[in-house]
Amino acid sequence: MAKRLLPHLFLLALAMFITFTTAYRRVEVSSKEDLRELTCGWPLPFAVSDQSWRDPPYPWKASCMDGEWGDPIALLLPQFVINVAAFYVLGVALHSGYRAVRKRQGMGRIAGQI
C-alpha cells in the first residue's frame, strides 16, 4: 500500500512546488494601477501583490515575489488548489505513460528472446 502511495505523494509535492514557483514568473506592467494589484501564477493567477510603492520606468517586468520583506502577498487558495491539481494530473499522466512504455519495452524483450 505504501509503495503505491509514495509516487502520488511525490507527484503532489512536485505539483505544489511547481505551482508555487510560477509566482516568480515576471509579468509586464504598464501603470501604477497594474502594480497596485499585481497578479502572478500560472495557469491561473493565485498570488496578488501590492507594489504600488515602486516608481519604475514603464513598461516594467515585475514578479509577485519581487517585493521587499513585509510586503503583503495575498494567496487565492481556490486558484492555487486548481493549479496544483492540474500539475498533479499532468504528472500522473506522464508517469502512467512512462510506466506503460517501460512495460511494453520489457514485454518486447521477453518476446524477442523466445
N, C-alpha and C. Protein backbone atom coordinates (compact mmCIF):
# COMPACT_ATOMS: atom_id res chain seq x y z
N MET A 1 0.81 -1.18 0.00
CA MET A 1 0.00 0.00 0.00
C MET A 1 0.87 1.27 0.00
N ALA A 2 1.87 1.28 0.88
CA ALA A 2 2.73 2.46 0.97
C ALA A 2 3.55 2.62 -0.31
N LYS A 3 3.86 1.51 -0.96
CA LYS A 3 4.63 1.56 -2.20
C LYS A 3 3.83 2.22 -3.32
N ARG A 4 2.52 2.06 -3.31
CA ARG A 4 1.66 2.68 -4.32
C ARG A 4 1.37 4.14 -3.97
N LEU A 5 1.42 4.49 -2.70
CA LEU A 5 1.11 5.84 -2.25
C LEU A 5 2.30 6.79 -2.43
N LEU A 6 3.51 6.26 -2.32
CA LEU A 6 4.72 7.08 -2.39
C LEU A 6 4.85 7.88 -3.69
N PRO A 7 4.65 7.28 -4.87
CA PRO A 7 4.73 8.09 -6.09
C PRO A 7 3.70 9.22 -6.14
N HIS A 8 2.51 8.97 -5.61
CA HIS A 8 1.47 10.00 -5.61
C HIS A 8 1.82 11.15 -4.66
N LEU A 9 2.39 10.82 -3.51
CA LEU A 9 2.84 11.87 -2.59
C LEU A 9 3.96 12.69 -3.22
N PHE A 10 4.88 12.01 -3.90
CA PHE A 10 5.96 12.72 -4.58
C PHE A 10 5.41 13.63 -5.67
N LEU A 11 4.47 13.12 -6.48
CA LEU A 11 3.89 13.93 -7.55
C LEU A 11 3.09 15.11 -6.98
N LEU A 12 2.42 14.91 -5.87
CA LEU A 12 1.68 16.01 -5.24
C LEU A 12 2.63 17.08 -4.72
N ALA A 13 3.72 16.67 -4.08
CA ALA A 13 4.71 17.63 -3.59
C ALA A 13 5.36 18.37 -4.76
N LEU A 14 5.65 17.65 -5.83
CA LEU A 14 6.23 18.27 -7.02
C LEU A 14 5.26 19.27 -7.65
N ALA A 15 3.98 18.92 -7.70
CA ALA A 15 2.97 19.82 -8.26
C ALA A 15 2.85 21.08 -7.42
N MET A 16 2.91 20.95 -6.10
CA MET A 16 2.85 22.13 -5.23
C MET A 16 4.08 23.01 -5.43
N PHE A 17 5.25 22.40 -5.57
CA PHE A 17 6.48 23.16 -5.78
C PHE A 17 6.43 23.90 -7.11
N ILE A 18 6.02 23.22 -8.17
CA ILE A 18 5.94 23.85 -9.49
C ILE A 18 4.94 25.00 -9.47
N THR A 19 3.79 24.77 -8.85
CA THR A 19 2.77 25.82 -8.77
C THR A 19 3.31 27.04 -8.02
N PHE A 20 3.97 26.81 -6.89
CA PHE A 20 4.50 27.93 -6.12
C PHE A 20 5.56 28.70 -6.90
N THR A 21 6.40 27.99 -7.63
CA THR A 21 7.47 28.68 -8.38
C THR A 21 6.92 29.49 -9.55
N THR A 22 5.71 29.21 -10.00
CA THR A 22 5.15 30.02 -11.09
C THR A 22 4.82 31.43 -10.63
N ALA A 23 4.76 31.65 -9.32
CA ALA A 23 4.52 33.01 -8.80
C ALA A 23 5.75 33.90 -9.02
N TYR A 24 6.89 33.29 -9.31
CA TYR A 24 8.11 34.05 -9.59
C TYR A 24 8.18 34.52 -11.04
N ARG A 25 7.26 34.02 -11.86
CA ARG A 25 7.23 34.41 -13.27
C ARG A 25 6.97 35.90 -13.40
N ARG A 26 7.69 36.55 -14.27
CA ARG A 26 7.57 38.00 -14.43
C ARG A 26 6.37 38.36 -15.31
N VAL A 27 5.68 39.44 -14.89
CA VAL A 27 4.52 39.95 -15.58
C VAL A 27 4.82 41.38 -16.00
N GLU A 28 4.44 41.74 -17.21
CA GLU A 28 4.68 43.11 -17.67
C GLU A 28 3.58 44.03 -17.16
N VAL A 29 4.00 45.13 -16.54
CA VAL A 29 3.05 46.14 -16.06
C VAL A 29 3.29 47.44 -16.82
N SER A 30 2.23 48.20 -16.99
CA SER A 30 2.36 49.44 -17.76
C SER A 30 1.85 50.66 -17.02
N SER A 31 1.46 50.50 -15.75
CA SER A 31 0.98 51.66 -14.99
C SER A 31 1.07 51.38 -13.50
N LYS A 32 0.86 52.41 -12.71
CA LYS A 32 0.85 52.29 -11.25
C LYS A 32 -0.31 51.42 -10.80
N GLU A 33 -1.43 51.48 -11.52
CA GLU A 33 -2.58 50.64 -11.20
C GLU A 33 -2.25 49.15 -11.36
N ASP A 34 -1.48 48.82 -12.39
CA ASP A 34 -1.07 47.43 -12.58
C ASP A 34 -0.22 46.96 -11.41
N LEU A 35 0.63 47.84 -10.87
CA LEU A 35 1.46 47.49 -9.73
C LEU A 35 0.65 47.38 -8.44
N ARG A 36 -0.46 48.08 -8.36
CA ARG A 36 -1.28 48.05 -7.15
C ARG A 36 -1.92 46.68 -6.96
N GLU A 37 -2.29 46.02 -8.03
CA GLU A 37 -2.87 44.68 -7.97
C GLU A 37 -2.14 43.76 -8.93
N LEU A 38 -0.89 43.48 -8.63
CA LEU A 38 -0.05 42.62 -9.46
C LEU A 38 -0.44 41.17 -9.19
N THR A 39 -0.89 40.46 -10.22
CA THR A 39 -1.29 39.06 -10.06
C THR A 39 -0.29 38.16 -10.76
N CYS A 40 0.08 37.09 -10.07
CA CYS A 40 1.07 36.15 -10.61
C CYS A 40 0.58 34.73 -10.41
N GLY A 41 1.18 33.83 -11.14
CA GLY A 41 0.85 32.41 -11.08
C GLY A 41 0.43 31.93 -12.45
N TRP A 42 0.58 30.62 -12.67
CA TRP A 42 0.22 30.06 -13.96
C TRP A 42 -0.26 28.64 -13.77
N PRO A 43 -1.27 28.17 -14.42
CA PRO A 43 -2.08 28.77 -15.46
C PRO A 43 -3.11 29.76 -14.92
N LEU A 44 -3.54 29.62 -13.66
CA LEU A 44 -4.45 30.60 -13.06
C LEU A 44 -3.66 31.47 -12.09
N PRO A 45 -3.81 32.79 -12.17
CA PRO A 45 -3.12 33.65 -11.21
C PRO A 45 -3.64 33.40 -9.79
N PHE A 46 -2.74 33.14 -8.84
CA PHE A 46 -3.16 32.84 -7.48
C PHE A 46 -2.47 33.72 -6.43
N ALA A 47 -1.50 34.52 -6.83
CA ALA A 47 -0.82 35.42 -5.90
C ALA A 47 -1.07 36.86 -6.31
N VAL A 48 -1.42 37.70 -5.35
CA VAL A 48 -1.68 39.11 -5.60
C VAL A 48 -0.78 39.92 -4.68
N SER A 49 -0.06 40.87 -5.26
CA SER A 49 0.87 41.70 -4.50
C SER A 49 0.64 43.17 -4.81
N ASP A 50 0.82 44.00 -3.80
CA ASP A 50 0.72 45.45 -3.97
C ASP A 50 2.13 46.03 -3.98
N GLN A 51 2.59 46.43 -5.15
CA GLN A 51 3.92 47.03 -5.28
C GLN A 51 3.81 48.45 -5.80
N SER A 52 2.74 49.13 -5.39
CA SER A 52 2.49 50.49 -5.87
C SER A 52 3.51 51.49 -5.34
N TRP A 53 4.29 51.12 -4.34
CA TRP A 53 5.32 52.00 -3.81
C TRP A 53 6.48 52.17 -4.79
N ARG A 54 6.59 51.25 -5.77
CA ARG A 54 7.65 51.36 -6.77
C ARG A 54 7.32 52.47 -7.77
N ASP A 55 8.35 53.01 -8.37
CA ASP A 55 8.17 54.01 -9.43
C ASP A 55 9.12 53.68 -10.58
N PRO A 56 8.88 52.53 -11.25
CA PRO A 56 9.79 52.10 -12.31
C PRO A 56 9.45 52.77 -13.64
N PRO A 57 10.37 52.70 -14.59
CA PRO A 57 10.03 53.14 -15.94
C PRO A 57 9.11 52.09 -16.58
N TYR A 58 8.06 52.53 -17.24
CA TYR A 58 7.09 51.61 -17.85
C TYR A 58 7.39 51.43 -19.32
N PRO A 59 7.16 50.30 -19.91
CA PRO A 59 6.69 49.05 -19.31
C PRO A 59 7.78 48.42 -18.44
N TRP A 60 7.34 47.71 -17.41
CA TRP A 60 8.23 47.15 -16.41
C TRP A 60 7.83 45.70 -16.18
N LYS A 61 8.80 44.82 -16.03
CA LYS A 61 8.51 43.42 -15.72
C LYS A 61 8.69 43.22 -14.23
N ALA A 62 7.66 42.72 -13.58
CA ALA A 62 7.69 42.52 -12.14
C ALA A 62 7.14 41.14 -11.80
N SER A 63 7.49 40.68 -10.62
CA SER A 63 7.01 39.41 -10.11
C SER A 63 6.37 39.67 -8.75
N CYS A 64 5.43 38.84 -8.36
CA CYS A 64 4.82 39.00 -7.05
C CYS A 64 5.83 38.78 -5.93
N MET A 65 6.88 38.08 -6.22
CA MET A 65 7.89 37.79 -5.22
C MET A 65 9.05 38.80 -5.24
N ASP A 66 8.92 39.87 -6.03
CA ASP A 66 9.97 40.89 -6.12
C ASP A 66 9.92 41.90 -4.99
N GLY A 67 8.87 41.91 -4.21
CA GLY A 67 8.68 42.94 -3.20
C GLY A 67 9.69 42.85 -2.07
N GLU A 68 9.64 43.84 -1.21
CA GLU A 68 10.51 43.87 -0.04
C GLU A 68 9.92 42.97 1.05
N TRP A 69 10.74 42.65 2.04
CA TRP A 69 10.25 41.85 3.17
C TRP A 69 9.11 42.61 3.84
N GLY A 70 8.05 41.95 4.10
CA GLY A 70 6.92 42.57 4.77
C GLY A 70 5.83 43.04 3.82
N ASP A 71 6.11 43.06 2.50
CA ASP A 71 5.06 43.43 1.56
C ASP A 71 3.98 42.35 1.59
N PRO A 72 2.73 42.76 1.69
CA PRO A 72 1.66 41.75 1.75
C PRO A 72 1.46 41.06 0.41
N ILE A 73 1.37 39.76 0.48
CA ILE A 73 1.06 38.94 -0.70
C ILE A 73 -0.18 38.13 -0.34
N ALA A 74 -1.23 38.29 -1.11
CA ALA A 74 -2.46 37.53 -0.87
C ALA A 74 -2.44 36.30 -1.77
N LEU A 75 -2.67 35.15 -1.18
CA LEU A 75 -2.77 33.91 -1.95
C LEU A 75 -4.23 33.56 -2.10
N LEU A 76 -4.64 33.33 -3.33
CA LEU A 76 -6.01 32.93 -3.63
C LEU A 76 -6.06 31.41 -3.63
N LEU A 77 -6.56 30.85 -2.54
CA LEU A 77 -6.49 29.41 -2.32
C LEU A 77 -7.20 28.57 -3.39
N PRO A 78 -8.42 28.93 -3.84
CA PRO A 78 -9.06 28.08 -4.85
C PRO A 78 -8.23 27.98 -6.14
N GLN A 79 -7.67 29.10 -6.61
CA GLN A 79 -6.86 29.07 -7.82
C GLN A 79 -5.58 28.26 -7.59
N PHE A 80 -4.99 28.39 -6.40
CA PHE A 80 -3.78 27.63 -6.08
C PHE A 80 -4.07 26.13 -6.12
N VAL A 81 -5.18 25.72 -5.51
CA VAL A 81 -5.55 24.30 -5.48
C VAL A 81 -5.83 23.78 -6.89
N ILE A 82 -6.49 24.57 -7.72
CA ILE A 82 -6.76 24.15 -9.10
C ILE A 82 -5.45 23.99 -9.87
N ASN A 83 -4.51 24.91 -9.68
CA ASN A 83 -3.22 24.79 -10.34
C ASN A 83 -2.47 23.54 -9.89
N VAL A 84 -2.47 23.28 -8.57
CA VAL A 84 -1.80 22.08 -8.05
C VAL A 84 -2.46 20.84 -8.65
N ALA A 85 -3.78 20.82 -8.70
CA ALA A 85 -4.49 19.66 -9.26
C ALA A 85 -4.14 19.47 -10.74
N ALA A 86 -4.04 20.56 -11.49
CA ALA A 86 -3.71 20.44 -12.91
C ALA A 86 -2.31 19.88 -13.09
N PHE A 87 -1.33 20.38 -12.33
CA PHE A 87 0.03 19.85 -12.44
C PHE A 87 0.12 18.41 -11.93
N TYR A 88 -0.68 18.07 -10.91
CA TYR A 88 -0.70 16.70 -10.40
C TYR A 88 -1.25 15.73 -11.46
N VAL A 89 -2.34 16.11 -12.09
CA VAL A 89 -2.93 15.26 -13.14
C VAL A 89 -1.94 15.09 -14.30
N LEU A 90 -1.27 16.17 -14.67
CA LEU A 90 -0.26 16.07 -15.72
C LEU A 90 0.87 15.13 -15.30
N GLY A 91 1.30 15.23 -14.05
CA GLY A 91 2.36 14.34 -13.56
C GLY A 91 1.92 12.89 -13.55
N VAL A 92 0.69 12.63 -13.11
CA VAL A 92 0.18 11.25 -13.10
C VAL A 92 0.09 10.71 -14.52
N ALA A 93 -0.37 11.54 -15.46
CA ALA A 93 -0.47 11.08 -16.86
C ALA A 93 0.92 10.77 -17.42
N LEU A 94 1.88 11.63 -17.16
CA LEU A 94 3.24 11.37 -17.66
C LEU A 94 3.84 10.12 -17.01
N HIS A 95 3.62 9.96 -15.71
CA HIS A 95 4.14 8.78 -15.01
C HIS A 95 3.48 7.51 -15.53
N SER A 96 2.17 7.55 -15.76
CA SER A 96 1.47 6.37 -16.28
C SER A 96 1.95 6.03 -17.69
N GLY A 97 2.14 7.04 -18.51
CA GLY A 97 2.66 6.81 -19.86
C GLY A 97 4.05 6.22 -19.83
N TYR A 98 4.89 6.73 -18.94
CA TYR A 98 6.25 6.19 -18.80
C TYR A 98 6.21 4.72 -18.37
N ARG A 99 5.35 4.41 -17.40
CA ARG A 99 5.26 3.02 -16.95
C ARG A 99 4.74 2.11 -18.06
N ALA A 100 3.78 2.59 -18.86
CA ALA A 100 3.24 1.78 -19.95
C ALA A 100 4.31 1.51 -21.00
N VAL A 101 5.11 2.51 -21.32
CA VAL A 101 6.18 2.33 -22.30
C VAL A 101 7.22 1.36 -21.76
N ARG A 102 7.60 1.51 -20.49
CA ARG A 102 8.59 0.60 -19.90
C ARG A 102 8.07 -0.84 -19.87
N LYS A 103 6.79 -0.98 -19.58
CA LYS A 103 6.21 -2.33 -19.55
C LYS A 103 6.21 -2.94 -20.94
N ARG A 104 5.85 -2.14 -21.94
CA ARG A 104 5.83 -2.63 -23.31
C ARG A 104 7.24 -3.01 -23.78
N GLN A 105 8.23 -2.19 -23.43
CA GLN A 105 9.62 -2.50 -23.82
C GLN A 105 10.09 -3.78 -23.14
N GLY A 106 9.69 -3.99 -21.89
CA GLY A 106 10.06 -5.21 -21.19
C GLY A 106 9.41 -6.42 -21.81
N MET A 107 8.16 -6.31 -22.22
CA MET A 107 7.46 -7.41 -22.88
C MET A 107 8.07 -7.72 -24.22
N GLY A 108 8.49 -6.69 -24.94
CA GLY A 108 9.11 -6.89 -26.25
C GLY A 108 10.42 -7.64 -26.14
N ARG A 109 11.19 -7.37 -25.12
CA ARG A 109 12.47 -8.05 -24.94
C ARG A 109 12.24 -9.52 -24.62
N ILE A 110 11.25 -9.78 -23.77
CA ILE A 110 10.96 -11.16 -23.41
C ILE A 110 10.46 -11.93 -24.64
N ALA A 111 9.57 -11.31 -25.43
CA ALA A 111 9.03 -11.99 -26.62
C ALA A 111 10.14 -12.21 -27.64
N GLY A 112 11.08 -11.30 -27.73
CA GLY A 112 12.17 -11.44 -28.69
C GLY A 112 13.16 -12.53 -28.31
N GLN A 113 13.22 -12.87 -27.04
CA GLN A 113 14.16 -13.89 -26.58
C GLN A 113 13.61 -15.30 -26.78
N ILE A 114 12.32 -15.43 -26.96
CA ILE A 114 11.72 -16.76 -27.09
C ILE A 114 11.93 -17.30 -28.46
